[in-house]
PDB file of N, CA and C in Angstrom:
ATOM      1  N   UNK A   1     132.493 -12.446-102.790  1.00  0.00           N
ATOM      2  CA  UNK A   1     132.371 -11.057-103.156  1.00  0.00           C
ATOM      3  C   UNK A   1     131.015 -10.537-102.672  1.00  0.00           C
ATOM      4  N   UNK A   2     131.015  -9.361-102.114  1.00  0.00           N
ATOM      5  CA  UNK A   2     129.807  -8.776-101.557  1.00  0.00           C
ATOM      6  C   UNK A   2     129.329  -7.647-102.457  1.00  0.00           C
ATOM      7  N   UNK A   3     128.060  -7.694-102.843  1.00  0.00           N
ATOM      8  CA  UNK A   3     127.496  -6.648-103.696  1.00  0.00           C
ATOM      9  C   UNK A   3     127.254  -5.412-102.846  1.00  0.00           C
ATOM     10  N   UNK A   4     127.675  -4.284-103.333  1.00  0.00           N
ATOM     11  CA  UNK A   4     127.487  -3.026-102.630  1.00  0.00           C
ATOM     12  C   UNK A   4     125.993  -2.709-102.542  1.00  0.00           C
ATOM     13  N   UNK A   5     125.539  -2.177-101.408  1.00  0.00           N
ATOM     14  CA  UNK A   5     124.108  -1.887-101.232  1.00  0.00           C
ATOM     15  C   UNK A   5     123.536  -0.983-102.314  1.00  0.00           C
ATOM     16  N   UNK A   6     124.302  -0.016-102.777  1.00  0.00           N
ATOM     17  CA  UNK A   6     123.795   0.898-103.797  1.00  0.00           C
ATOM     18  C   UNK A   6     123.534   0.180-105.115  1.00  0.00           C
ATOM     19  N   UNK A   7     124.437  -0.736-105.482  1.00  0.00           N
ATOM     20  CA  UNK A   7     124.256  -1.515-106.708  1.00  0.00           C
ATOM     21  C   UNK A   7     123.036  -2.407-106.573  1.00  0.00           C
ATOM     22  N   UNK A   8     122.906  -3.060-105.414  1.00  0.00           N
ATOM     23  CA  UNK A   8     121.763  -3.928-105.176  1.00  0.00           C
ATOM     24  C   UNK A   8     120.472  -3.124-105.230  1.00  0.00           C
ATOM     25  N   UNK A   9     120.480  -1.953-104.643  1.00  0.00           N
ATOM     26  CA  UNK A   9     119.303  -1.100-104.663  1.00  0.00           C
ATOM     27  C   UNK A   9     118.907  -0.745-106.089  1.00  0.00           C
ATOM     28  N   UNK A  10     119.890  -0.402-106.898  1.00  0.00           N
ATOM     29  CA  UNK A  10     119.611  -0.045-108.291  1.00  0.00           C
ATOM     30  C   UNK A  10     118.974  -1.216-109.032  1.00  0.00           C
ATOM     31  N   UNK A  11     119.492  -2.404-108.808  1.00  0.00           N
ATOM     32  CA  UNK A  11     118.965  -3.582-109.484  1.00  0.00           C
ATOM     33  C   UNK A  11     117.551  -3.884-109.005  1.00  0.00           C
ATOM     34  N   UNK A  12     117.357  -3.851-107.699  1.00  0.00           N
ATOM     35  CA  UNK A  12     116.043  -4.172-107.160  1.00  0.00           C
ATOM     36  C   UNK A  12     115.000  -3.106-107.464  1.00  0.00           C
ATOM     37  N   UNK A  13     115.416  -1.853-107.573  1.00  0.00           N
ATOM     38  CA  UNK A  13     114.443  -0.806-107.862  1.00  0.00           C
ATOM     39  C   UNK A  13     113.837  -0.976-109.251  1.00  0.00           C
ATOM     40  N   UNK A  14     114.540  -1.661-110.118  1.00  0.00           N
ATOM     41  CA  UNK A  14     113.984  -1.947-111.444  1.00  0.00           C
ATOM     42  C   UNK A  14     112.812  -2.907-111.339  1.00  0.00           C
ATOM     43  N   UNK A  15     112.800  -3.704-110.288  1.00  0.00           N
ATOM     44  CA  UNK A  15     111.751  -4.704-110.111  1.00  0.00           C
ATOM     45  C   UNK A  15     110.516  -4.119-109.444  1.00  0.00           C
ATOM     46  N   UNK A  16     110.626  -2.958-108.829  1.00  0.00           N
ATOM     47  CA  UNK A  16     109.526  -2.403-108.057  1.00  0.00           C
ATOM     48  C   UNK A  16     108.250  -2.220-108.854  1.00  0.00           C
ATOM     49  N   UNK A  17     108.272  -1.535-109.989  1.00  0.00           N
ATOM     50  CA  UNK A  17     107.015  -1.342-110.706  1.00  0.00           C
ATOM     51  C   UNK A  17     106.363  -2.656-111.124  1.00  0.00           C
ATOM     52  N   UNK A  18     107.169  -3.653-111.400  1.00  0.00           N
ATOM     53  CA  UNK A  18     106.622  -4.919-111.864  1.00  0.00           C
ATOM     54  C   UNK A  18     106.324  -5.885-110.735  1.00  0.00           C
ATOM     55  N   UNK A  19     106.719  -5.559-109.528  1.00  0.00           N
ATOM     56  CA  UNK A  19     106.594  -6.506-108.428  1.00  0.00           C
ATOM     57  C   UNK A  19     105.153  -6.950-108.207  1.00  0.00           C
ATOM     58  N   UNK A  20     104.233  -6.016-108.205  1.00  0.00           N
ATOM     59  CA  UNK A  20     102.845  -6.363-107.976  1.00  0.00           C
ATOM     60  C   UNK A  20     101.989  -6.156-109.224  1.00  0.00           C
ATOM     61  N   UNK A  21     102.645  -5.973-110.348  1.00  0.00           N
ATOM     62  CA  UNK A  21     101.914  -5.749-111.598  1.00  0.00           C
ATOM     63  C   UNK A  21     101.133  -6.998-111.987  1.00  0.00           C
ATOM     64  N   UNK A  22     100.012  -6.779-112.602  1.00  0.00           N
ATOM     65  CA  UNK A  22      99.232  -7.897-113.087  1.00  0.00           C
ATOM     66  C   UNK A  22      99.378  -7.972-114.588  1.00  0.00           C
ATOM     67  N   UNK A  23      99.732  -9.159-115.055  1.00  0.00           N
ATOM     68  CA  UNK A  23      99.869  -9.313-116.497  1.00  0.00           C
ATOM     69  C   UNK A  23      98.503  -9.633-117.087  1.00  0.00           C
ATOM     70  N   UNK A  24      98.314  -9.247-118.327  1.00  0.00           N
ATOM     71  CA  UNK A  24      97.064  -9.530-119.013  1.00  0.00           C
ATOM     72  C   UNK A  24      97.365 -10.379-120.231  1.00  0.00           C
ATOM     73  N   UNK A  25      96.441 -11.237-120.610  1.00  0.00           N
ATOM     74  CA  UNK A  25      96.688 -12.060-121.776  1.00  0.00           C
ATOM     75  C   UNK A  25      96.790 -11.225-123.043  1.00  0.00           C
ATOM     76  N   UNK A  26      97.460 -11.768-124.031  1.00  0.00           N
ATOM     77  CA  UNK A  26      97.625 -11.082-125.310  1.00  0.00           C
ATOM     78  C   UNK A  26      96.261 -10.861-125.942  1.00  0.00           C
ATOM     79  N   UNK A  27      96.141  -9.804-126.731  1.00  0.00           N
ATOM     80  CA  UNK A  27      94.879  -9.481-127.384  1.00  0.00           C
ATOM     81  C   UNK A  27      94.414 -10.653-128.235  1.00  0.00           C
ATOM     82  N   UNK A  28      93.156 -11.003-128.069  1.00  0.00           N
ATOM     83  CA  UNK A  28      92.602 -12.099-128.844  1.00  0.00           C
ATOM     84  C   UNK A  28      92.876 -13.464-128.227  1.00  0.00           C
ATOM     85  N   UNK A  29      93.593 -13.508-127.132  1.00  0.00           N
ATOM     86  CA  UNK A  29      93.905 -14.778-126.497  1.00  0.00           C
ATOM     87  C   UNK A  29      92.950 -15.021-125.350  1.00  0.00           C
ATOM     88  N   UNK A  30      92.482 -16.230-125.218  1.00  0.00           N
ATOM     89  CA  UNK A  30      91.603 -16.563-124.105  1.00  0.00           C
ATOM     90  C   UNK A  30      92.373 -17.274-123.013  1.00  0.00           C
ATOM     91  N   UNK A  31      93.655 -17.523-123.231  1.00  0.00           N
ATOM     92  CA  UNK A  31      94.488 -18.217-122.261  1.00  0.00           C
ATOM     93  C   UNK A  31      95.077 -17.217-121.263  1.00  0.00           C
ATOM     94  N   UNK A  32      94.618 -17.247-120.021  1.00  0.00           N
ATOM     95  CA  UNK A  32      95.072 -16.296-119.008  1.00  0.00           C
ATOM     96  C   UNK A  32      96.507 -16.548-118.585  1.00  0.00           C
ATOM     97  N   UNK A  33      97.062 -17.683-118.960  1.00  0.00           N
ATOM     98  CA  UNK A  33      98.446 -17.989-118.586  1.00  0.00           C
ATOM     99  C   UNK A  33      99.382 -17.810-119.764  1.00  0.00           C
ATOM    100  N   UNK A  34      99.003 -16.980-120.727  1.00  0.00           N
ATOM    101  CA  UNK A  34      99.843 -16.794-121.899  1.00  0.00           C
ATOM    102  C   UNK A  34     101.201 -16.226-121.516  1.00  0.00           C
ATOM    103  N   UNK A  35     102.178 -16.557-122.301  1.00  0.00           N
ATOM    104  CA  UNK A  35     103.537 -16.106-122.054  1.00  0.00           C
ATOM    105  C   UNK A  35     103.657 -14.653-122.471  1.00  0.00           C
ATOM    106  N   UNK A  36     104.330 -13.865-121.633  1.00  0.00           N
ATOM    107  CA  UNK A  36     104.501 -12.452-121.956  1.00  0.00           C
ATOM    108  C   UNK A  36     105.533 -12.306-123.062  1.00  0.00           C
ATOM    109  N   UNK A  37     105.526 -11.167-123.742  1.00  0.00           N
ATOM    110  CA  UNK A  37     106.503 -10.951-124.814  1.00  0.00           C
ATOM    111  C   UNK A  37     107.930 -11.090-124.303  1.00  0.00           C
ATOM    112  N   UNK A  38     108.820 -11.474-125.173  1.00  0.00           N
ATOM    113  CA  UNK A  38     110.223 -11.665-124.797  1.00  0.00           C
ATOM    114  C   UNK A  38     110.775 -10.399-124.179  1.00  0.00           C
ATOM    115  N   UNK A  39     111.523 -10.565-123.116  1.00  0.00           N
ATOM    116  CA  UNK A  39     112.151  -9.434-122.459  1.00  0.00           C
ATOM    117  C   UNK A  39     111.298  -8.783-121.389  1.00  0.00           C
ATOM    118  N   UNK A  40     110.005  -9.078-121.340  1.00  0.00           N
ATOM    119  CA  UNK A  40     109.149  -8.487-120.314  1.00  0.00           C
ATOM    120  C   UNK A  40     109.285  -9.300-119.038  1.00  0.00           C
ATOM    121  N   UNK A  41     109.545  -8.622-117.933  1.00  0.00           N
ATOM    122  CA  UNK A  41     109.742  -9.306-116.665  1.00  0.00           C
ATOM    123  C   UNK A  41     108.408  -9.756-116.091  1.00  0.00           C
ATOM    124  N   UNK A  42     108.426 -10.922-115.500  1.00  0.00           N
ATOM    125  CA  UNK A  42     107.247 -11.410-114.804  1.00  0.00           C
ATOM    126  C   UNK A  42     107.198 -10.756-113.432  1.00  0.00           C
ATOM    127  N   UNK A  43     106.017 -10.468-112.911  1.00  0.00           N
ATOM    128  CA  UNK A  43     105.921  -9.845-111.592  1.00  0.00           C
ATOM    129  C   UNK A  43     106.358 -10.809-110.497  1.00  0.00           C
ATOM    130  N   UNK A  44     106.836 -10.265-109.388  1.00  0.00           N
ATOM    131  CA  UNK A  44     107.193 -11.115-108.256  1.00  0.00           C
ATOM    132  C   UNK A  44     105.959 -11.816-107.718  1.00  0.00           C
ATOM    133  N   UNK A  45     104.821 -11.136-107.739  1.00  0.00           N
ATOM    134  CA  UNK A  45     103.563 -11.723-107.287  1.00  0.00           C
ATOM    135  C   UNK A  45     102.982 -12.546-108.434  1.00  0.00           C
ATOM    136  N   UNK A  46     103.548 -13.719-108.634  1.00  0.00           N
ATOM    137  CA  UNK A  46     103.234 -14.535-109.805  1.00  0.00           C
ATOM    138  C   UNK A  46     101.762 -14.914-109.904  1.00  0.00           C
ATOM    139  N   UNK A  47     101.108 -15.155-108.776  1.00  0.00           N
ATOM    140  CA  UNK A  47      99.708 -15.569-108.841  1.00  0.00           C
ATOM    141  C   UNK A  47      98.736 -14.411-108.630  1.00  0.00           C
ATOM    142  N   UNK A  48      99.262 -13.173-108.551  1.00  0.00           N
ATOM    143  CA  UNK A  48      98.447 -11.951-108.485  1.00  0.00           C
ATOM    144  C   UNK A  48      97.466 -11.932-107.316  1.00  0.00           C
ATOM    145  N   UNK A  49      97.897 -12.473-106.166  1.00  0.00           N
ATOM    146  CA  UNK A  49      97.016 -12.467-105.000  1.00  0.00           C
ATOM    147  C   UNK A  49      97.285 -11.299-104.058  1.00  0.00           C
ATOM    148  N   UNK A  50      98.192 -10.403-104.452  1.00  0.00           N
ATOM    149  CA  UNK A  50      98.461  -9.228-103.648  1.00  0.00           C
ATOM    150  C   UNK A  50      99.551  -9.404-102.613  1.00  0.00           C
ATOM    151  N   UNK A  51     100.164 -10.587-102.574  1.00  0.00           N
ATOM    152  CA  UNK A  51     101.275 -10.822-101.654  1.00  0.00           C
ATOM    153  C   UNK A  51     102.394 -11.552-102.389  1.00  0.00           C
ATOM    154  N   UNK A  52     103.604 -11.408-101.860  1.00  0.00           N
ATOM    155  CA  UNK A  52     104.748 -12.128-102.413  1.00  0.00           C
ATOM    156  C   UNK A  52     105.169 -13.145-101.360  1.00  0.00           C
ATOM    157  N   UNK A  53     105.099 -14.400-101.705  1.00  0.00           N
ATOM    158  CA  UNK A  53     105.515 -15.453-100.784  1.00  0.00           C
ATOM    159  C   UNK A  53     107.006 -15.704-100.943  1.00  0.00           C
ATOM    160  N   UNK A  54     107.571 -16.423 -99.999  1.00  0.00           N
ATOM    161  CA  UNK A  54     108.991 -16.772-100.075  1.00  0.00           C
ATOM    162  C   UNK A  54     109.265 -17.557-101.353  1.00  0.00           C
ATOM    163  N   UNK A  55     108.336 -18.423-101.742  1.00  0.00           N
ATOM    164  CA  UNK A  55     108.506 -19.222-102.954  1.00  0.00           C
ATOM    165  C   UNK A  55     108.511 -18.336-104.194  1.00  0.00           C
ATOM    166  N   UNK A  56     107.627 -17.352-104.246  1.00  0.00           N
ATOM    167  CA  UNK A  56     107.602 -16.438-105.383  1.00  0.00           C
ATOM    168  C   UNK A  56     108.883 -15.610-105.427  1.00  0.00           C
ATOM    169  N   UNK A  57     109.379 -15.211-104.271  1.00  0.00           N
ATOM    170  CA  UNK A  57     110.596 -14.399-104.209  1.00  0.00           C
ATOM    171  C   UNK A  57     111.805 -15.170-104.720  1.00  0.00           C
ATOM    172  N   UNK A  58     111.801 -16.489-104.614  1.00  0.00           N
ATOM    173  CA  UNK A  58     112.942 -17.295-105.054  1.00  0.00           C
ATOM    174  C   UNK A  58     113.208 -17.139-106.549  1.00  0.00           C
ATOM    175  N   UNK A  59     112.236 -16.655-107.310  1.00  0.00           N
ATOM    176  CA  UNK A  59     112.438 -16.427-108.743  1.00  0.00           C
ATOM    177  C   UNK A  59     113.486 -15.345-108.986  1.00  0.00           C
ATOM    178  N   UNK A  60     113.711 -14.489-107.992  1.00  0.00           N
ATOM    179  CA  UNK A  60     114.726 -13.430-108.079  1.00  0.00           C
ATOM    180  C   UNK A  60     115.617 -13.524-106.847  1.00  0.00           C
ATOM    181  N   UNK A  61     116.737 -14.248-106.950  1.00  0.00           N
ATOM    182  CA  UNK A  61     117.610 -14.467-105.789  1.00  0.00           C
ATOM    183  C   UNK A  61     118.067 -13.181-105.097  1.00  0.00           C
ATOM    184  N   UNK A  62     118.323 -12.124-105.838  1.00  0.00           N
ATOM    185  CA  UNK A  62     118.730 -10.864-105.231  1.00  0.00           C
ATOM    186  C   UNK A  62     117.649 -10.300-104.318  1.00  0.00           C
ATOM    187  N   UNK A  63     116.416 -10.459-104.713  1.00  0.00           N
ATOM    188  CA  UNK A  63     115.286 -10.013-103.908  1.00  0.00           C
ATOM    189  C   UNK A  63     115.071 -10.970-102.748  1.00  0.00           C
ATOM    190  N   UNK A  64     115.177 -12.253-103.006  1.00  0.00           N
ATOM    191  CA  UNK A  64     114.926 -13.277-101.986  1.00  0.00           C
ATOM    192  C   UNK A  64     115.866 -13.130-100.794  1.00  0.00           C
ATOM    193  N   UNK A  65     117.093 -12.674-101.048  1.00  0.00           N
ATOM    194  CA  UNK A  65     118.048 -12.480 -99.942  1.00  0.00           C
ATOM    195  C   UNK A  65     117.548 -11.476 -98.920  1.00  0.00           C
ATOM    196  N   UNK A  66     116.678 -10.568 -99.333  1.00  0.00           N
ATOM    197  CA  UNK A  66     116.170  -9.527 -98.449  1.00  0.00           C
ATOM    198  C   UNK A  66     114.760  -9.822 -97.937  1.00  0.00           C
ATOM    199  N   UNK A  67     114.269 -11.023 -98.189  1.00  0.00           N
ATOM    200  CA  UNK A  67     112.886 -11.355 -97.849  1.00  0.00           C
ATOM    201  C   UNK A  67     112.584 -11.088 -96.375  1.00  0.00           C
ATOM    202  N   UNK A  68     113.429 -11.586 -95.477  1.00  0.00           N
ATOM    203  CA  UNK A  68     113.169 -11.433 -94.044  1.00  0.00           C
ATOM    204  C   UNK A  68     113.234  -9.970 -93.604  1.00  0.00           C
ATOM    205  N   UNK A  69     114.058  -9.173 -94.253  1.00  0.00           N
ATOM    206  CA  UNK A  69     114.148  -7.746 -93.957  1.00  0.00           C
ATOM    207  C   UNK A  69     112.868  -7.026 -94.387  1.00  0.00           C
ATOM    208  N   UNK A  70     112.328  -7.407 -95.522  1.00  0.00           N
ATOM    209  CA  UNK A  70     111.133  -6.758 -96.067  1.00  0.00           C
ATOM    210  C   UNK A  70     109.878  -7.203 -95.327  1.00  0.00           C
ATOM    211  N   UNK A  71     109.823  -8.475 -94.942  1.00  0.00           N
ATOM    212  CA  UNK A  71     108.675  -9.053 -94.238  1.00  0.00           C
ATOM    213  C   UNK A  71     108.717  -8.629 -92.773  1.00  0.00           C
ATOM    214  N   UNK A  72     108.335  -7.388 -92.518  1.00  0.00           N
ATOM    215  CA  UNK A  72     108.506  -6.803 -91.185  1.00  0.00           C
ATOM    216  C   UNK A  72     107.632  -7.447 -90.112  1.00  0.00           C
ATOM    217  N   UNK A  73     106.488  -8.014 -90.480  1.00  0.00           N
ATOM    218  CA  UNK A  73     105.658  -8.670 -89.467  1.00  0.00           C
ATOM    219  C   UNK A  73     105.952 -10.173 -89.377  1.00  0.00           C
ATOM    220  N   UNK A  74     106.909 -10.637 -90.160  1.00  0.00           N
ATOM    221  CA  UNK A  74     107.406 -12.019 -90.121  1.00  0.00           C
ATOM    222  C   UNK A  74     106.293 -13.062 -90.241  1.00  0.00           C
ATOM    223  N   UNK A  75     105.366 -12.809 -91.176  1.00  0.00           N
ATOM    224  CA  UNK A  75     104.295 -13.774 -91.410  1.00  0.00           C
ATOM    225  C   UNK A  75     104.572 -14.658 -92.618  1.00  0.00           C
ATOM    226  N   UNK A  76     105.766 -14.523 -93.208  1.00  0.00           N
ATOM    227  CA  UNK A  76     106.128 -15.346 -94.353  1.00  0.00           C
ATOM    228  C   UNK A  76     105.601 -14.821 -95.670  1.00  0.00           C
ATOM    229  N   UNK A  77     105.044 -13.599 -95.654  1.00  0.00           N
ATOM    230  CA  UNK A  77     104.495 -12.985 -96.864  1.00  0.00           C
ATOM    231  C   UNK A  77     104.852 -11.512 -96.876  1.00  0.00           C
ATOM    232  N   UNK A  78     105.045 -10.981 -98.071  1.00  0.00           N
ATOM    233  CA  UNK A  78     105.281  -9.550 -98.220  1.00  0.00           C
ATOM    234  C   UNK A  78     104.045  -8.963 -98.877  1.00  0.00           C
ATOM    235  N   UNK A  79     103.370  -8.087 -98.138  1.00  0.00           N
ATOM    236  CA  UNK A  79     102.192  -7.437 -98.720  1.00  0.00           C
ATOM    237  C   UNK A  79     102.611  -6.103 -99.335  1.00  0.00           C
ATOM    238  N   UNK A  80     101.679  -5.438 -99.966  1.00  0.00           N
ATOM    239  CA  UNK A  80     101.993  -4.181-100.650  1.00  0.00           C
ATOM    240  C   UNK A  80     102.566  -3.133 -99.697  1.00  0.00           C
ATOM    241  N   UNK A  81     102.005  -3.043 -98.511  1.00  0.00           N
ATOM    242  CA  UNK A  81     102.484  -2.058 -97.544  1.00  0.00           C
ATOM    243  C   UNK A  81     103.929  -2.305 -97.152  1.00  0.00           C
ATOM    244  N   UNK A  82     104.273  -3.552 -96.878  1.00  0.00           N
ATOM    245  CA  UNK A  82     105.649  -3.894 -96.523  1.00  0.00           C
ATOM    246  C   UNK A  82     106.590  -3.607 -97.689  1.00  0.00           C
ATOM    247  N   UNK A  83     106.153  -3.956 -98.890  1.00  0.00           N
ATOM    248  CA  UNK A  83     106.981  -3.745-100.071  1.00  0.00           C
ATOM    249  C   UNK A  83     107.209  -2.259-100.309  1.00  0.00           C
ATOM    250  N   UNK A  84     106.142  -1.473-100.214  1.00  0.00           N
ATOM    251  CA  UNK A  84     106.270  -0.027-100.435  1.00  0.00           C
ATOM    252  C   UNK A  84     107.168   0.611 -99.380  1.00  0.00           C
ATOM    253  N   UNK A  85     107.012   0.194 -98.115  1.00  0.00           N
ATOM    254  CA  UNK A  85     107.849   0.747 -97.041  1.00  0.00           C
ATOM    255  C   UNK A  85     109.315   0.431 -97.294  1.00  0.00           C
ATOM    256  N   UNK A  86     109.595  -0.799 -97.697  1.00  0.00           N
ATOM    257  CA  UNK A  86     110.977  -1.196 -97.975  1.00  0.00           C
ATOM    258  C   UNK A  86     111.519  -0.418 -99.173  1.00  0.00           C
ATOM    259  N   UNK A  87     110.707  -0.295-100.202  1.00  0.00           N
ATOM    260  CA  UNK A  87     111.128   0.437-101.395  1.00  0.00           C
ATOM    261  C   UNK A  87     111.422   1.893-101.053  1.00  0.00           C
ATOM    262  N   UNK A  88     110.578   2.512-100.245  1.00  0.00           N
ATOM    263  CA  UNK A  88     110.808   3.897 -99.843  1.00  0.00           C
ATOM    264  C   UNK A  88     112.089   4.019 -99.022  1.00  0.00           C
ATOM    265  N   UNK A  89     112.321   3.052 -98.154  1.00  0.00           N
ATOM    266  CA  UNK A  89     113.538   3.050 -97.345  1.00  0.00           C
ATOM    267  C   UNK A  89     114.770   2.954 -98.250  1.00  0.00           C
ATOM    268  N   UNK A  90     114.733   2.085 -99.234  1.00  0.00           N
ATOM    269  CA  UNK A  90     115.857   1.930-100.161  1.00  0.00           C
ATOM    270  C   UNK A  90     116.055   3.201-100.993  1.00  0.00           C
ATOM    271  N   UNK A  91     114.953   3.811-101.393  1.00  0.00           N
ATOM    272  CA  UNK A  91     115.033   5.053-102.169  1.00  0.00           C
ATOM    273  C   UNK A  91     115.685   6.157-101.333  1.00  0.00           C
ATOM    274  N   UNK A  92     115.292   6.253-100.078  1.00  0.00           N
ATOM    275  CA  UNK A  92     115.883   7.263 -99.187  1.00  0.00           C
ATOM    276  C   UNK A  92     117.372   7.018 -98.991  1.00  0.00           C
ATOM    277  N   UNK A  93     117.751   5.761 -98.815  1.00  0.00           N
ATOM    278  CA  UNK A  93     119.168   5.422 -98.658  1.00  0.00           C
ATOM    279  C   UNK A  93     119.958   5.813 -99.906  1.00  0.00           C
ATOM    280  N   UNK A  94     119.377   5.524-101.074  1.00  0.00           N
ATOM    281  CA  UNK A  94     120.058   5.850-102.325  1.00  0.00           C
ATOM    282  C   UNK A  94     120.242   7.360-102.457  1.00  0.00           C
ATOM    283  N   UNK A  95     119.195   8.118-102.157  1.00  0.00           N
ATOM    284  CA  UNK A  95     119.274   9.573-102.254  1.00  0.00           C
ATOM    285  C   UNK A  95     120.289  10.124-101.259  1.00  0.00           C
ATOM    286  N   UNK A  96     120.337   9.547-100.076  1.00  0.00           N
ATOM    287  CA  UNK A  96     121.296   9.988 -99.074  1.00  0.00           C
ATOM    288  C   UNK A  96     122.719   9.715 -99.543  1.00  0.00           C
ATOM    289  N   UNK A  97     122.957   8.530-100.088  1.00  0.00           N
ATOM    290  CA  UNK A  97     124.293   8.191-100.593  1.00  0.00           C
ATOM    291  C   UNK A  97     124.680   9.098-101.761  1.00  0.00           C
ATOM    292  N   UNK A  98     123.736   9.385-102.639  1.00  0.00           N
ATOM    293  CA  UNK A  98     124.027  10.267-103.762  1.00  0.00           C
ATOM    294  C   UNK A  98     124.365  11.664-103.265  1.00  0.00           C
ATOM    295  N   UNK A  99     123.681  12.122-102.234  1.00  0.00           N
ATOM    296  CA  UNK A  99     123.967  13.427-101.656  1.00  0.00           C
ATOM    297  C   UNK A  99     125.340  13.458-101.014  1.00  0.00           C
ATOM    298  N   UNK A 100     125.726  12.370-100.354  1.00  0.00           N
ATOM    299  CA  UNK A 100     127.042  12.304 -99.725  1.00  0.00           C
ATOM    300  C   UNK A 100     128.151  12.272-100.760  1.00  0.00           C
ATOM    301  N   UNK A 101     127.948  11.554-101.847  1.00  0.00           N
ATOM    302  CA  UNK A 101     128.980  11.462-102.868  1.00  0.00           C
ATOM    303  C   UNK A 101     129.079  12.758-103.682  1.00  0.00           C
ATOM    304  N   UNK A 102     128.005  13.518-103.774  1.00  0.00           N
ATOM    305  CA  UNK A 102     128.028  14.784-104.503  1.00  0.00           C
ATOM    306  C   UNK A 102     128.699  15.882-103.688  1.00  0.00           C
ATOM    307  N   UNK A 103     128.608  15.822-102.369  1.00  0.00           N
ATOM    308  CA  UNK A 103     129.183  16.860-101.501  1.00  0.00           C
ATOM    309  C   UNK A 103     130.702  16.968-101.654  1.00  0.00           C
ATOM    310  N   UNK A 104     131.477  15.873-101.616  1.00  0.00           N
ATOM    311  CA  UNK A 104     132.931  16.004-101.805  1.00  0.00           C
ATOM    312  C   UNK A 104     133.284  16.528-103.203  1.00  0.00           C
ATOM    313  N   UNK A 105     132.537  16.174-104.215  1.00  0.00           N
ATOM    314  CA  UNK A 105     132.807  16.646-105.575  1.00  0.00           C
ATOM    315  C   UNK A 105     132.589  18.154-105.661  1.00  0.00           C
ATOM    316  N   UNK A 106     131.540  18.635-105.002  1.00  0.00           N
ATOM    317  CA  UNK A 106     131.252  20.075-105.020  1.00  0.00           C
ATOM    318  C   UNK A 106     132.339  20.836-104.255  1.00  0.00           C
ATOM    319  N   UNK A 107     132.797  20.291-103.139  1.00  0.00           N
ATOM    320  CA  UNK A 107     133.820  20.957-102.327  1.00  0.00           C
ATOM    321  C   UNK A 107     135.131  21.058-103.081  1.00  0.00           C
ATOM    322  N   UNK A 108     135.492  20.021-103.817  1.00  0.00           N
ATOM    323  CA  UNK A 108     136.764  20.040-104.553  1.00  0.00           C
ATOM    324  C   UNK A 108     136.711  20.947-105.785  1.00  0.00           C
ATOM    325  N   UNK A 109     135.532  21.127-106.353  1.00  0.00           N
ATOM    326  CA  UNK A 109     135.425  21.975-107.539  1.00  0.00           C
ATOM    327  C   UNK A 109     135.323  23.464-107.186  1.00  0.00           C
ATOM    328  N   UNK A 110     134.981  23.762-105.935  1.00  0.00           N
ATOM    329  CA  UNK A 110     134.851  25.163-105.548  1.00  0.00           C
ATOM    330  C   UNK A 110     136.150  25.734-105.001  1.00  0.00           C
ATOM    331  N   UNK A 111     137.222  24.901-104.850  1.00  0.00           N
ATOM    332  CA  UNK A 111     138.450  25.335-104.242  1.00  0.00           C
ATOM    333  C   UNK A 111     139.357  26.001-105.148  1.00  0.00           C
TER     334      UNK A 111
END
């Protein structure tokens, strides 16, 4: 079964804000590796070095499938610029698809 690009985009867009987010330890904790609260997603950039490696991407198989597409300079790492460009491209595709699906609905309701 093949996941539709729009569904995949929706799922992956949820990961965007957290992809390069840096987690902070809980208040009063001196352990920088403290576990985040239940339900909070870990960032794709697990070691907070500003890049996402192929190994870090493996934590999210849906994202990992697109690693080579996102890594436009093919250096084995996704930096912020590559990630933002890919995210913008996916956002544009989603908006275009939404516009296409809204056009037939508008045409049928005006008849």
